[in-house]
Amino acid sequence: MYSTSTIPVVGDSVVGSHPELAPLPGQRARLLEAMVRAVAEKGYDAATVSDAVRLARVSRGTFYELFASKEACLLAAYRAGYEVLEQRIREAVRGAADWREELRLGFRAYLRTLEDDPLFARVYLIEGHVVAEEREAVLHRYADRYARSFAKSGHPVPPFEALFVLAVGVHELACARVRQGRGVLDLEQVLVSCAVRLAGDKEEPWT
């Protein structure tokens, strides 16, 4: 079961490890992490700017010097977190022996990142509807990544719409797990199997 109550606002989080924030965790970094925590614990509608400034230990004036609104702050946190997630996937698949291993290592990095930071996972997966256009752009980037992996398989690359369905399915399956308070690491094999079979290879086992 995920627990958010003992996770510090500033620490080894996905958002906080962004290269533009990690070297010097100043007010902007603290506010981004505070917004993630407030939204993760209360939901976007119930979370307030007051919650964020209290958790970040900054003034309300400082918040509005840095962000135009609650949504703008959440969007900045979402983007920072996704950029870290994307970088971890890139690093994980570097040097993969073949396209299957590339898919597996990418899914593993994705799931491990969500597992290790349940606050970010809740915001990224469950509250992402608040930044719907950004989320759609992120899912398109996942579809493009799958296309690049499948291009190495020797099988025809599925149409973009099918790859987008895969990206949405991965997201929604992880979202369901996090909403239920369950871990996501054991989803690796079924995600690999779905992806490999979409590429036309039926030999990958489901479990």
C-alpha atoms as a PDB file:
ATOM      1  CA  MET A   1       0.000   0.000   0.000  1.00  0.00           C
ATOM      2  CA  TYR A   2       1.376   3.436  -0.886  1.00  0.00           C
ATOM      3  CA  SER A   3       1.903   5.855   1.968  1.00  0.00           C
ATOM      4  CA  THR A   4       2.535   9.555   1.399  1.00  0.00           C
ATOM      5  CA  SER A   5       2.502  10.795   4.971  1.00  0.00           C
ATOM      6  CA  THR A   6       6.192  10.238   5.717  1.00  0.00           C
ATOM      7  CA  ILE A   7       7.664  11.519   2.448  1.00  0.00           C
ATOM      8  CA  PRO A   8       9.405  14.899   2.858  1.00  0.00           C
ATOM      9  CA  VAL A   9       8.526  17.802   0.613  1.00  0.00           C
ATOM     10  CA  VAL A  10      12.147  18.321  -0.432  1.00  0.00           C
ATOM     11  CA  GLY A  11      14.101  15.147  -0.922  1.00  0.00           C
ATOM     12  CA  ASP A  12      15.051  12.504  -3.408  1.00  0.00           C
ATOM     13  CA  SER A  13      11.911  12.917  -5.493  1.00  0.00           C
ATOM     14  CA  VAL A  14      11.375  12.706  -9.241  1.00  0.00           C
ATOM     15  CA  VAL A  15      10.594  16.419  -9.579  1.00  0.00           C
ATOM     16  CA  GLY A  16      13.316  17.443  -7.141  1.00  0.00           C
ATOM     17  CA  SER A  17      15.978  15.505  -9.039  1.00  0.00           C
ATOM     18  CA  HIS A  18      15.469  17.531 -12.228  1.00  0.00           C
ATOM     19  CA  PRO A  19      18.893  18.935 -13.194  1.00  0.00           C
ATOM     20  CA  GLU A  20      17.602  22.513 -13.112  1.00  0.00           C
ATOM     21  CA  LEU A  21      16.294  22.038  -9.571  1.00  0.00           C
ATOM     22  CA  ALA A  22      18.540  19.486  -7.887  1.00  0.00           C
ATOM     23  CA  PRO A  23      21.845  21.422  -7.534  1.00  0.00           C
ATOM     24  CA  LEU A  24      20.273  24.141  -5.384  1.00  0.00           C
ATOM     25  CA  PRO A  25      16.831  23.297  -3.988  1.00  0.00           C
ATOM     26  CA  GLY A  26      15.556  26.852  -3.694  1.00  0.00           C
ATOM     27  CA  GLN A  27      12.084  28.314  -3.484  1.00  0.00           C
ATOM     28  CA  ARG A  28      10.974  27.210  -6.952  1.00  0.00           C
ATOM     29  CA  ALA A  29      12.019  23.608  -6.303  1.00  0.00           C
ATOM     30  CA  ARG A  30      10.332  23.602  -2.904  1.00  0.00           C
ATOM     31  CA  LEU A  31       7.100  24.984  -4.366  1.00  0.00           C
ATOM     32  CA  LEU A  32       7.033  22.404  -7.166  1.00  0.00           C
ATOM     33  CA  GLU A  33       7.505  19.560  -4.732  1.00  0.00           C
ATOM     34  CA  ALA A  34       5.011  21.095  -2.324  1.00  0.00           C
ATOM     35  CA  MET A  35       2.392  21.351  -5.068  1.00  0.00           C
ATOM     36  CA  VAL A  36       2.989  17.717  -5.989  1.00  0.00           C
ATOM     37  CA  ARG A  37       2.488  16.689  -2.392  1.00  0.00           C
ATOM     38  CA  ALA A  38      -0.621  18.817  -1.867  1.00  0.00           C
ATOM     39  CA  VAL A  39      -2.258  17.583  -5.064  1.00  0.00           C
ATOM     40  CA  ALA A  40      -1.257  13.961  -4.408  1.00  0.00           C
ATOM     41  CA  GLU A  41      -2.737  14.007  -0.922  1.00  0.00           C
ATOM     42  CA  LYS A  42      -5.857  16.115  -1.504  1.00  0.00           C
ATOM     43  CA  GLY A  43      -6.548  15.962  -5.237  1.00  0.00           C
ATOM     44  CA  TYR A  44      -6.194  18.948  -7.521  1.00  0.00           C
ATOM     45  CA  ASP A  45      -9.573  20.531  -6.771  1.00  0.00           C
ATOM     46  CA  ALA A  46      -9.074  20.478  -2.999  1.00  0.00           C
ATOM     47  CA  ALA A  47      -5.393  21.438  -2.969  1.00  0.00           C
ATOM     48  CA  THR A  48      -4.722  25.154  -2.657  1.00  0.00           C
ATOM     49  CA  VAL A  49      -1.923  27.641  -3.152  1.00  0.00           C
ATOM     50  CA  SER A  50      -2.006  28.069   0.628  1.00  0.00           C
ATOM     51  CA  ASP A  51      -1.215  24.363   1.021  1.00  0.00           C
ATOM     52  CA  ALA A  52       1.765  24.694  -1.297  1.00  0.00           C
ATOM     53  CA  VAL A  53       3.244  27.769   0.350  1.00  0.00           C
ATOM     54  CA  ARG A  54       2.790  26.255   3.795  1.00  0.00           C
ATOM     55  CA  LEU A  55       4.537  23.019   2.802  1.00  0.00           C
ATOM     56  CA  ALA A  56       7.287  24.875   0.935  1.00  0.00           C
ATOM     57  CA  ARG A  57       7.693  27.374   3.761  1.00  0.00           C
ATOM     58  CA  VAL A  58       7.587  30.418   1.473  1.00  0.00           C
ATOM     59  CA  SER A  59       5.292  33.416   1.269  1.00  0.00           C
ATOM     60  CA  ARG A  60       2.218  33.679  -0.902  1.00  0.00           C
ATOM     61  CA  GLY A  61       3.867  36.627  -2.627  1.00  0.00           C
ATOM     62  CA  THR A  62       6.848  34.445  -3.526  1.00  0.00           C
ATOM     63  CA  PHE A  63       4.520  31.880  -5.067  1.00  0.00           C
ATOM     64  CA  TYR A  64       2.930  34.454  -7.368  1.00  0.00           C
ATOM     65  CA  GLU A  65       6.328  35.866  -8.302  1.00  0.00           C
ATOM     66  CA  LEU A  66       7.195  32.411  -9.667  1.00  0.00           C
ATOM     67  CA  PHE A  67       3.842  31.056 -10.902  1.00  0.00           C
ATOM     68  CA  ALA A  68       0.740  32.685 -12.310  1.00  0.00           C
ATOM     69  CA  SER A  69      -1.617  30.152 -10.736  1.00  0.00           C
ATOM     70  CA  LYS A  70      -2.003  26.783  -9.065  1.00  0.00           C
ATOM     71  CA  GLU A  71      -2.401  25.166 -12.472  1.00  0.00           C
ATOM     72  CA  ALA A  72       0.777  26.817 -13.771  1.00  0.00           C
ATOM     73  CA  CYS A  73       2.716  25.454 -10.801  1.00  0.00           C
ATOM     74  CA  LEU A  74       1.327  21.963 -11.303  1.00  0.00           C
ATOM     75  CA  LEU A  75       2.123  22.104 -15.021  1.00  0.00           C
ATOM     76  CA  ALA A  76       5.729  23.063 -14.256  1.00  0.00           C
ATOM     77  CA  ALA A  77       5.993  20.180 -11.788  1.00  0.00           C
ATOM     78  CA  TYR A  78       4.441  17.767 -14.295  1.00  0.00           C
ATOM     79  CA  ARG A  79       6.906  18.809 -16.994  1.00  0.00           C
ATOM     80  CA  ALA A  80       9.904  18.584 -14.683  1.00  0.00           C
ATOM     81  CA  GLY A  81       8.864  15.149 -13.467  1.00  0.00           C
ATOM     82  CA  TYR A  82       8.226  13.829 -16.951  1.00  0.00           C
ATOM     83  CA  GLU A  83      11.596  15.097 -18.183  1.00  0.00           C
ATOM     84  CA  VAL A  84      13.294  13.175 -15.375  1.00  0.00           C
ATOM     85  CA  LEU A  85      11.213  10.082 -16.160  1.00  0.00           C
ATOM     86  CA  GLU A  86      12.105  10.320 -19.847  1.00  0.00           C
ATOM     87  CA  GLN A  87      15.807  10.718 -19.051  1.00  0.00           C
ATOM     88  CA  ARG A  88      15.744   7.654 -16.794  1.00  0.00           C
ATOM     89  CA  ILE A  89      14.166   5.624 -19.590  1.00  0.00           C
ATOM     90  CA  ARG A  90      16.793   6.836 -22.077  1.00  0.00           C
ATOM     91  CA  GLU A  91      19.587   5.886 -19.696  1.00  0.00           C
ATOM     92  CA  ALA A  92      18.036   2.495 -18.967  1.00  0.00           C
ATOM     93  CA  VAL A  93      17.739   1.440 -22.623  1.00  0.00           C
ATOM     94  CA  ARG A  94      21.166   2.663 -23.656  1.00  0.00           C
ATOM     95  CA  GLY A  95      23.167  -0.326 -24.848  1.00  0.00           C
ATOM     96  CA  ALA A  96      20.170  -2.716 -24.949  1.00  0.00           C
ATOM     97  CA  ALA A  97      21.067  -5.867 -26.862  1.00  0.00           C
ATOM     98  CA  ASP A  98      17.952  -5.847 -29.051  1.00  0.00           C
ATOM     99  CA  TRP A  99      14.527  -4.270 -29.430  1.00  0.00           C
ATOM    100  CA  ARG A 100      12.867  -6.601 -26.909  1.00  0.00           C
ATOM    101  CA  GLU A 101      15.411  -5.744 -24.250  1.00  0.00           C
ATOM    102  CA  GLU A 102      14.991  -2.073 -25.094  1.00  0.00           C
ATOM    103  CA  LEU A 103      11.254  -2.346 -24.478  1.00  0.00           C
ATOM    104  CA  ARG A 104      11.763  -4.298 -21.257  1.00  0.00           C
ATOM    105  CA  LEU A 105      14.352  -1.941 -19.829  1.00  0.00           C
ATOM    106  CA  GLY A 106      12.229   1.069 -20.765  1.00  0.00           C
ATOM    107  CA  PHE A 107       9.152  -0.323 -19.040  1.00  0.00           C
ATOM    108  CA  ARG A 108      11.247  -1.281 -16.018  1.00  0.00           C
ATOM    109  CA  ALA A 109      12.620   2.243 -15.635  1.00  0.00           C
ATOM    110  CA  TYR A 110       9.140   3.719 -16.068  1.00  0.00           C
ATOM    111  CA  LEU A 111       7.599   1.450 -13.440  1.00  0.00           C
ATOM    112  CA  ARG A 112      10.519   1.801 -10.998  1.00  0.00           C
ATOM    113  CA  THR A 113      10.301   5.593 -11.154  1.00  0.00           C
ATOM    114  CA  LEU A 114       6.582   5.508 -10.353  1.00  0.00           C
ATOM    115  CA  GLU A 115       7.044   2.920  -7.622  1.00  0.00           C
ATOM    116  CA  ASP A 116       9.795   4.887  -5.898  1.00  0.00           C
ATOM    117  CA  ASP A 117       7.907   8.201  -5.789  1.00  0.00           C
ATOM    118  CA  PRO A 118       4.216   7.591  -5.012  1.00  0.00           C
ATOM    119  CA  LEU A 119       3.497  11.311  -4.704  1.00  0.00           C
ATOM    120  CA  PHE A 120       4.662  11.995  -8.236  1.00  0.00           C
ATOM    121  CA  ALA A 121       2.969   8.811  -9.436  1.00  0.00           C
ATOM    122  CA  ARG A 122      -0.409   9.990  -8.177  1.00  0.00           C
ATOM    123  CA  VAL A 123      -0.046  13.422  -9.742  1.00  0.00           C
ATOM    124  CA  TYR A 124       1.385  12.147 -13.016  1.00  0.00           C
ATOM    125  CA  LEU A 125      -1.124   9.343 -13.472  1.00  0.00           C
ATOM    126  CA  ILE A 126      -4.295  10.397 -11.678  1.00  0.00           C
ATOM    127  CA  GLU A 127      -4.268  14.204 -11.659  1.00  0.00           C
ATOM    128  CA  GLY A 128      -2.800  14.632 -15.132  1.00  0.00           C
ATOM    129  CA  HIS A 129      -6.254  15.446 -16.506  1.00  0.00           C
ATOM    130  CA  VAL A 130      -5.664  18.951 -15.191  1.00  0.00           C
ATOM    131  CA  VAL A 131      -2.931  19.415 -17.816  1.00  0.00           C
ATOM    132  CA  ALA A 132      -4.680  17.363 -20.488  1.00  0.00           C
ATOM    133  CA  GLU A 133      -2.879  18.841 -23.491  1.00  0.00           C
ATOM    134  CA  GLU A 134       0.503  18.239 -21.872  1.00  0.00           C
ATOM    135  CA  ARG A 135      -0.451  14.675 -20.987  1.00  0.00           C
ATOM    136  CA  GLU A 136      -1.542  14.001 -24.562  1.00  0.00           C
ATOM    137  CA  ALA A 137       1.781  15.334 -25.834  1.00  0.00           C
ATOM    138  CA  VAL A 138       3.613  13.029 -23.420  1.00  0.00           C
ATOM    139  CA  LEU A 139       1.632  10.024 -24.645  1.00  0.00           C
ATOM    140  CA  HIS A 140       2.527  10.922 -28.222  1.00  0.00           C
ATOM    141  CA  ARG A 141       6.188  10.911 -27.215  1.00  0.00           C
ATOM    142  CA  TYR A 142       5.793   7.420 -25.766  1.00  0.00           C
ATOM    143  CA  ALA A 143       4.167   6.266 -29.006  1.00  0.00           C
ATOM    144  CA  ASP A 144       7.113   7.695 -30.941  1.00  0.00           C
ATOM    145  CA  ARG A 145       9.514   5.846 -28.641  1.00  0.00           C
ATOM    146  CA  TYR A 146       7.707   2.553 -29.263  1.00  0.00           C
ATOM    147  CA  ALA A 147       7.916   3.199 -33.006  1.00  0.00           C
ATOM    148  CA  ARG A 148      11.682   3.596 -32.780  1.00  0.00           C
ATOM    149  CA  SER A 149      11.978   0.331 -30.846  1.00  0.00           C
ATOM    150  CA  PHE A 150       9.703  -1.573 -33.229  1.00  0.00           C
ATOM    151  CA  ALA A 151      11.677  -0.282 -36.211  1.00  0.00           C
ATOM    152  CA  LYS A 152      14.576  -2.431 -34.970  1.00  0.00           C
ATOM    153  CA  SER A 153      12.472  -5.606 -34.786  1.00  0.00           C
ATOM    154  CA  GLY A 154      12.359  -6.594 -38.448  1.00  0.00           C
ATOM    155  CA  HIS A 155       8.545  -6.555 -38.253  1.00  0.00           C
ATOM    156  CA  PRO A 156       6.420  -3.823 -39.855  1.00  0.00           C
ATOM    157  CA  VAL A 157       6.021  -0.872 -37.513  1.00  0.00           C
ATOM    158  CA  PRO A 158       2.375  -0.686 -36.346  1.00  0.00           C
ATOM    159  CA  PRO A 159       0.408   2.437 -37.313  1.00  0.00           C
ATOM    160  CA  PHE A 160       0.783   5.406 -35.017  1.00  0.00           C
ATOM    161  CA  GLU A 161      -2.801   5.012 -33.756  1.00  0.00           C
ATOM    162  CA  ALA A 162      -1.985   1.498 -32.497  1.00  0.00           C
ATOM    163  CA  LEU A 163       1.174   2.766 -30.796  1.00  0.00           C
ATOM    164  CA  PHE A 164      -0.837   5.541 -29.175  1.00  0.00           C
ATOM    165  CA  VAL A 165      -3.320   2.953 -27.884  1.00  0.00           C
ATOM    166  CA  LEU A 166      -0.366   1.098 -26.351  1.00  0.00           C
ATOM    167  CA  ALA A 167       0.889   4.288 -24.696  1.00  0.00           C
ATOM    168  CA  VAL A 168      -2.561   5.083 -23.285  1.00  0.00           C
ATOM    169  CA  GLY A 169      -3.024   1.488 -22.110  1.00  0.00           C
ATOM    170  CA  VAL A 170       0.281   1.479 -20.247  1.00  0.00           C
ATOM    171  CA  HIS A 171      -0.634   4.774 -18.593  1.00  0.00           C
ATOM    172  CA  GLU A 172      -4.139   3.689 -17.606  1.00  0.00           C
ATOM    173  CA  LEU A 173      -3.033   0.327 -16.228  1.00  0.00           C
ATOM    174  CA  ALA A 174      -0.431   1.995 -14.032  1.00  0.00           C
ATOM    175  CA  CYS A 175      -3.027   4.619 -13.069  1.00  0.00           C
ATOM    176  CA  ALA A 176      -5.490   1.939 -11.941  1.00  0.00           C
ATOM    177  CA  ARG A 177      -2.837   0.312  -9.765  1.00  0.00           C
ATOM    178  CA  VAL A 178      -1.816   3.574  -8.121  1.00  0.00           C
ATOM    179  CA  ARG A 179      -5.446   4.573  -7.553  1.00  0.00           C
ATOM    180  CA  GLN A 180      -5.947   1.225  -5.766  1.00  0.00           C
ATOM    181  CA  GLY A 181      -2.864   1.853  -3.618  1.00  0.00           C
ATOM    182  CA  ARG A 182      -0.989  -1.050  -5.217  1.00  0.00           C
ATOM    183  CA  GLY A 183       2.519  -1.300  -6.592  1.00  0.00           C
ATOM    184  CA  VAL A 184       3.308  -1.380 -10.288  1.00  0.00           C
ATOM    185  CA  LEU A 185       6.587  -3.274 -10.636  1.00  0.00           C
ATOM    186  CA  ASP A 186       4.925  -6.612 -11.392  1.00  0.00           C
ATOM    187  CA  LEU A 187       3.337  -5.110 -14.531  1.00  0.00           C
ATOM    188  CA  GLU A 188       6.615  -5.323 -16.430  1.00  0.00           C
ATOM    189  CA  GLN A 189       6.043  -8.655 -18.148  1.00  0.00           C
ATOM    190  CA  VAL A 190       2.486  -8.026 -19.273  1.00  0.00           C
ATOM    191  CA  LEU A 191       3.524  -4.652 -20.715  1.00  0.00           C
ATOM    192  CA  VAL A 192       6.417  -6.237 -22.584  1.00  0.00           C
ATOM    193  CA  SER A 193       4.131  -8.979 -23.891  1.00  0.00           C
ATOM    194  CA  CYS A 194       1.515  -6.499 -25.105  1.00  0.00           C
ATOM    195  CA  ALA A 195       4.151  -4.439 -26.877  1.00  0.00           C
ATOM    196  CA  VAL A 196       5.958  -7.377 -28.470  1.00  0.00           C
ATOM    197  CA  ARG A 197       2.722  -8.914 -29.704  1.00  0.00           C
ATOM    198  CA  LEU A 198       1.666  -5.601 -31.192  1.00  0.00           C
ATOM    199  CA  ALA A 199       4.885  -5.725 -33.182  1.00  0.00           C
ATOM    200  CA  GLY A 200       3.816  -9.098 -34.594  1.00  0.00           C
ATOM    201  CA  ASP A 201       5.919 -11.412 -32.422  1.00  0.00           C
ATOM    202  CA  LYS A 202       3.687 -13.961 -30.658  1.00  0.00           C
ATOM    203  CA  GLU A 203       6.422 -15.797 -28.748  1.00  0.00           C
ATOM    204  CA  GLU A 204       6.694 -13.524 -25.717  1.00  0.00           C
ATOM    205  CA  PRO A 205       4.951 -15.160 -22.685  1.00  0.00           C
ATOM    206  CA  TRP A 206       2.359 -13.263 -20.717  1.00  0.00           C
ATOM    207  CA  THR A 207       3.897 -14.177 -17.374  1.00  0.00           C
END
